[in-house]
Protein backbone atom coordinates (compact mmCIF):
# COMPACT_ATOMS: atom_id res chain seq x y z
CA UNK A 1 -17.48 -4.01 7.78
CA UNK A 2 -15.91 -1.11 5.89
CA UNK A 3 -12.23 -0.51 6.51
CA UNK A 4 -12.21 2.59 4.28
CA UNK A 5 -15.07 5.05 3.81
CA UNK A 6 -14.48 8.19 1.78
CA UNK A 7 -17.25 10.61 0.87
CA UNK A 8 -17.08 13.72 -1.31
CA UNK A 9 -13.29 13.87 -0.98
CA UNK A 10 -11.67 16.95 -2.50
CA UNK A 11 -7.97 17.73 -2.86
CA UNK A 12 -6.34 20.89 -4.14
CA UNK A 13 -2.71 21.87 -4.58
CA UNK A 14 -1.73 25.56 -4.26
CA UNK A 15 -5.32 26.41 -3.44
CA UNK A 16 -6.18 30.07 -3.93
CA UNK A 17 -3.09 30.73 -6.02
CA UNK A 18 -2.67 31.22 -9.73
CA UNK A 19 -1.19 27.73 -9.98
CA UNK A 20 -4.13 26.05 -8.18
CA UNK A 21 -4.72 22.46 -9.25
CA UNK A 22 -7.88 20.54 -8.35
CA UNK A 23 -6.52 17.00 -7.99
CA UNK A 24 -9.53 15.07 -6.63
CA UNK A 25 -13.19 15.82 -7.30
CA UNK A 26 -15.88 14.43 -4.99
CA UNK A 27 -14.35 10.98 -4.50
CA UNK A 28 -16.73 8.58 -2.73
CA UNK A 29 -16.41 4.83 -2.14
CA UNK A 30 -16.06 2.18 0.54
CA UNK A 31 -13.64 -0.73 0.75
CA UNK A 32 -14.62 -3.64 2.96
CA UNK A 33 -12.13 -5.24 5.32
CA UNK A 34 -10.56 -8.20 3.53
CA UNK A 35 -11.20 -6.94 -0.02
CA UNK A 36 -8.69 -6.89 -2.85
CA UNK A 37 -9.15 -3.88 -5.10
CA UNK A 38 -7.31 -2.37 -8.06
CA UNK A 39 -7.18 1.34 -8.82
CA UNK A 40 -6.57 2.03 -12.51
CA UNK A 41 -5.80 5.29 -14.28
CA UNK A 42 -3.22 6.98 -16.46
CA UNK A 43 -0.40 9.11 -15.06
CA UNK A 44 -1.83 12.33 -13.65
CA UNK A 45 -5.28 10.86 -13.08
CA UNK A 46 -5.08 11.20 -9.30
CA UNK A 47 -4.11 7.62 -8.36
CA UNK A 48 -1.06 8.44 -6.29
CA UNK A 49 -2.73 11.45 -4.64
CA UNK A 50 -5.61 9.24 -3.54
CA UNK A 51 -3.30 6.48 -2.30
CA UNK A 52 -1.28 9.00 -0.29
CA UNK A 53 -4.44 10.29 1.39
CA UNK A 54 -5.67 6.77 2.17
CA UNK A 55 -2.24 5.91 3.61
CA UNK A 56 -2.06 9.05 5.82
CA UNK A 57 0.79 10.48 3.75
CA UNK A 58 -1.20 13.49 2.52
CA UNK A 59 -4.16 15.56 3.70
CA UNK A 60 -7.46 16.33 1.97
CA UNK A 61 -9.33 19.63 1.81
CA UNK A 62 -13.01 18.70 1.88
CA UNK A 63 -15.16 15.63 2.48
CA UNK A 64 -14.73 12.82 4.99
CA UNK A 65 -12.42 9.86 5.38
CA UNK A 66 -13.09 7.18 7.97
CA UNK A 67 -10.55 4.42 8.54
CA UNK A 68 -11.74 1.38 10.46
CA UNK A 69 -14.61 3.47 11.82
CA UNK A 70 -12.47 6.42 12.91
CA UNK A 71 -12.68 9.93 11.47
CA UNK A 72 -9.22 10.63 10.04
CA UNK A 73 -9.70 14.41 10.19
CA UNK A 74 -9.66 14.11 14.00
CA UNK A 75 -6.19 12.50 14.04
CA UNK A 76 -3.25 14.55 15.26
CA UNK A 77 0.26 14.15 13.86
CA UNK A 78 1.15 11.48 16.42
CA UNK A 79 -1.93 9.41 15.58
CA UNK A 80 -1.27 9.75 11.86
CA UNK A 81 2.33 8.59 12.31
CA UNK A 82 1.21 5.61 14.40
CA UNK A 83 -1.32 4.55 11.77
CA UNK A 84 1.24 4.93 8.99
CA UNK A 85 3.60 2.56 10.78
CA UNK A 86 1.16 0.04 12.22
CA UNK A 87 -2.06 0.09 10.19
CA UNK A 88 -0.73 0.68 6.68
CA UNK A 89 1.83 -1.24 4.65
CA UNK A 90 3.30 0.45 1.55
CA UNK A 91 4.82 -1.25 -1.50
CA UNK A 92 6.26 0.92 -4.29
CA UNK A 93 7.35 0.31 -7.87
CA UNK A 94 10.91 1.34 -6.98
CA UNK A 95 10.98 -1.10 -4.00
CA UNK A 96 12.34 1.61 -1.66
CA UNK A 97 14.84 -0.69 0.04
CA UNK A 98 18.15 0.21 1.66
CA UNK A 99 20.36 -1.67 -0.77
CA UNK A 100 23.44 -1.70 1.45
CA UNK A 101 21.52 -3.59 4.14
CA UNK A 102 20.52 -7.23 4.36
CA UNK A 103 17.07 -8.63 3.76
CA UNK A 104 16.63 -9.06 7.52
CA UNK A 105 17.70 -5.48 8.27
CA UNK A 106 15.24 -4.05 5.73
CA UNK A 107 12.30 -6.09 7.01
CA UNK A 108 13.07 -5.35 10.66
CA UNK A 109 13.07 -1.56 10.24
CA UNK A 110 9.31 -0.94 10.80
CA UNK A 111 9.43 -3.21 13.85
CA UNK A 112 12.33 -1.26 15.35
CA UNK A 113 10.27 1.91 14.91
CA UNK A 114 7.30 0.25 16.61
CA UNK A 115 8.78 0.41 20.09
CA UNK A 116 6.39 -2.14 21.58
CA UNK A 117 8.11 -5.29 20.30
CA UNK A 118 11.10 -6.97 21.90
CA UNK A 119 14.19 -8.05 19.99
CA UNK A 120 13.35 -11.75 20.21
CA UNK A 121 9.91 -11.21 18.67
CA UNK A 122 11.38 -8.97 15.97
CA UNK A 123 13.87 -11.66 15.02
CA UNK A 124 11.21 -14.38 14.83
CA UNK A 125 8.65 -12.26 13.00
CA UNK A 126 11.19 -11.21 10.38
CA UNK A 127 12.30 -14.78 9.81
CA UNK A 128 8.68 -15.91 9.43
CA UNK A 129 7.80 -13.12 6.98
CA UNK A 130 10.91 -13.61 4.88
CA UNK A 131 10.11 -17.31 4.67
CA UNK A 132 6.50 -16.52 3.79
CA UNK A 133 7.55 -14.48 0.75
CA UNK A 134 9.85 -17.29 -0.40
CA UNK A 135 13.24 -15.87 0.57
CA UNK A 136 14.19 -18.01 3.56
CA UNK A 137 17.64 -18.71 2.14
CA UNK A 138 18.27 -14.98 1.56
CA UNK A 139 17.74 -13.83 5.15
CA UNK A 140 21.25 -12.41 5.53
CA UNK A 141 21.92 -11.51 1.88
CA UNK A 142 22.39 -7.88 0.91
CA UNK A 143 19.41 -6.64 -1.03
CA UNK A 144 21.58 -5.28 -3.85
CA UNK A 145 22.53 -8.90 -4.61
CA UNK A 146 18.91 -9.85 -5.33
CA UNK A 147 16.87 -9.78 -8.54
CA UNK A 148 14.10 -7.23 -9.02
CA UNK A 149 11.42 -9.77 -8.17
CA UNK A 150 13.26 -10.81 -5.01
CA UNK A 151 13.68 -7.18 -3.97
CA UNK A 152 9.94 -6.62 -4.37
CA UNK A 153 9.31 -9.66 -2.16
CA UNK A 154 11.52 -8.07 0.49
CA UNK A 155 9.52 -4.85 0.15
CA UNK A 156 6.28 -6.79 0.66
CA UNK A 157 7.66 -8.56 3.74
CA UNK A 158 8.74 -5.19 5.16
CA UNK A 159 5.29 -3.73 4.45
CA UNK A 160 3.68 -6.62 6.34
CA UNK A 161 6.03 -6.44 9.34
CA UNK A 162 3.58 -4.74 11.72
CA UNK A 163 0.58 -6.76 10.54
CA UNK A 164 -1.16 -3.84 8.77
CA UNK A 165 -4.88 -3.77 8.16
CA UNK A 166 -4.34 -2.23 4.72
CA UNK A 167 -1.61 -3.01 2.19
CA UNK A 168 -1.23 -0.25 -0.43
CA UNK A 169 0.81 -1.02 -3.54
CA UNK A 170 1.58 1.72 -6.08
CA UNK A 171 2.47 0.12 -9.45
CA UNK A 172 4.20 -2.80 -7.69
CA UNK A 173 4.79 -4.74 -10.92
CA UNK A 174 5.77 -1.80 -13.12
CA UNK A 175 9.49 -2.62 -13.07
CA UNK A 176 9.07 -6.39 -13.44
CA UNK A 177 8.72 -8.81 -16.37
CA UNK A 178 5.33 -10.42 -16.89
CA UNK A 179 6.21 -13.76 -15.26
CA UNK A 180 7.66 -12.13 -12.14
CA UNK A 181 4.75 -9.69 -12.04
CA UNK A 182 2.33 -12.59 -11.94
CA UNK A 183 4.24 -14.13 -9.04
CA UNK A 184 4.09 -10.86 -7.10
CA UNK A 185 0.34 -10.53 -7.68
CA UNK A 186 -0.11 -14.12 -6.49
CA UNK A 187 1.79 -13.19 -3.33
CA UNK A 188 -0.55 -10.25 -2.65
CA UNK A 189 -3.54 -12.54 -3.08
CA UNK A 190 -1.96 -15.12 -0.76
CA UNK A 191 -1.49 -12.51 1.97
CA UNK A 192 -5.07 -11.41 1.52
CA UNK A 193 -6.38 -14.95 1.64
CA UNK A 194 -4.27 -16.25 4.53
CA UNK A 195 -3.94 -13.11 6.67
CA UNK A 196 -7.14 -11.28 5.75
CA UNK A 197 -5.15 -8.17 4.83
CA UNK A 198 -7.07 -5.65 2.75
CA UNK A 199 -5.13 -4.99 -0.47
CA UNK A 200 -5.35 -1.93 -2.72
CA UNK A 201 -3.17 -1.97 -5.85
CA UNK A 202 -2.71 0.96 -8.23
CA UNK A 203 -1.78 -0.39 -11.65
CA UNK A 204 -1.75 0.24 -15.39
CA UNK A 205 -1.80 -3.50 -16.07
CA UNK A 206 -5.21 -4.97 -16.90
CA UNK A 207 -3.98 -8.44 -15.94
CA UNK A 208 -3.05 -7.26 -12.47
CA UNK A 209 -6.38 -5.49 -12.06
CA UNK A 210 -8.42 -8.47 -13.21
CA UNK A 211 -6.72 -10.66 -10.58
CA UNK A 212 -8.30 -8.50 -7.87
CA UNK A 213 -11.86 -8.78 -6.71
CA UNK A 214 -12.73 -5.23 -7.67
CA UNK A 215 -11.58 -2.65 -10.21
CA UNK A 216 -12.00 1.10 -9.75
CA UNK A 217 -11.03 3.52 -12.53
CA UNK A 218 -10.04 7.11 -11.94
CA UNK A 219 -9.88 9.83 -14.59
CA UNK A 220 -9.05 13.49 -14.00
CA UNK A 221 -9.51 13.07 -10.26
CA UNK A 222 -12.91 11.37 -10.50
CA UNK A 223 -13.94 7.74 -10.02
CA UNK A 224 -15.58 6.92 -13.34
CA UNK A 225 -16.28 3.22 -12.82
CA UNK A 226 -16.30 0.76 -9.93
CA UNK A 227 -17.07 -2.90 -10.47
CA UNK A 228 -16.69 -6.06 -8.45
CA UNK A 229 -15.58 -9.13 -10.38
């Protein structure tokens, strides 16, 4: 079953103005639930624009986007916000953590915004996730005391807090050395394998891409190749 279906997706910035920029051109593809896929392309190719649309962070101008069978264009702001918090997990190159807070406090934040989960469940879920990413002993450590690789593990645990259907990672290994990067990729694959989470990773690194089950390449806002490994 397809988790993501996009067809003839078009995105413009400053449409109709002298500074108009056509960011995405007729993007079409499907991603099955439980897939691991890499999106490759140079800076300015449209990777981040596409990820933001898939993660309900940005709109599109033409075409269709269906997420888990639902037409995204029919979502109101409240539905989009709910999907961003509960259906999508985001991991960024810069980690995006609150460095003055502990590991537990960072991971618990999406759960506190959920509103449907009691404190006891939040506490247990956070402890389980932090253990799952290999940081059990760092539960109450401040995140600014951690290494880059450890901080990225915290970011992954936070992204998984609400049990998202889709985990989107934008250059998640870009700030890490090759050994740590490999460990982070292994963690993504573990979450996919054990939890069935669909994983989409934007990367410049061929090694990261080849670890996924599928590699899509984007150039000048167009998908130019799409192969399953």
